[in-house]
Amino acid sequence: EVQLVQSGGGQVQTGGSLRLSCAASGFTFDDYAVGWFRQAPGKEREGVGCINSATHGGSTYYADSEKGRFTISRDAKEDTVYLQMSTLEPEDTAIYYCAADLKYCNGDYFTYSYLEHWGQGARVIVSS
């Protein structure tokens, strides 16, 4: 079965850290870029960052607001991509989604109307 399974959401206080995981099965994950998105209550979904496939060197791209606080990495052996979040703020409260596609990861990745595989979402709550 083709799927992306997310884990690692939860509640933390301002300034805390969380790591989200996005584990793939049923397809050749190494060939895919993976993006992280989030949707806060009452707001539109926005891109957080993405990481390219191993073929494209695993390069990363981050939205401006997350640069320096969020880090995306991937583990080829585990077919998993991680979103490490630090110095969290209440404004980071949202449901976070991962999405895998063969498209190249750059700023355009967040604008595509279709990405092939999506995780189920993980809720992150940052309390003040």
Foldseek 3Di string as FASTA:
>chain_A
DWAWAKDWADEEAAQAKTKMKIFTDDDQLLLKKKWKWWDDVPGDIFTAKIFHHVVVVRDIEGDPVCPPFWDWDADNVRRMIMIIGGSDDQVPFTWMKMFIANDGTYPCVGVDPDTPHMYPTGTHGYHD
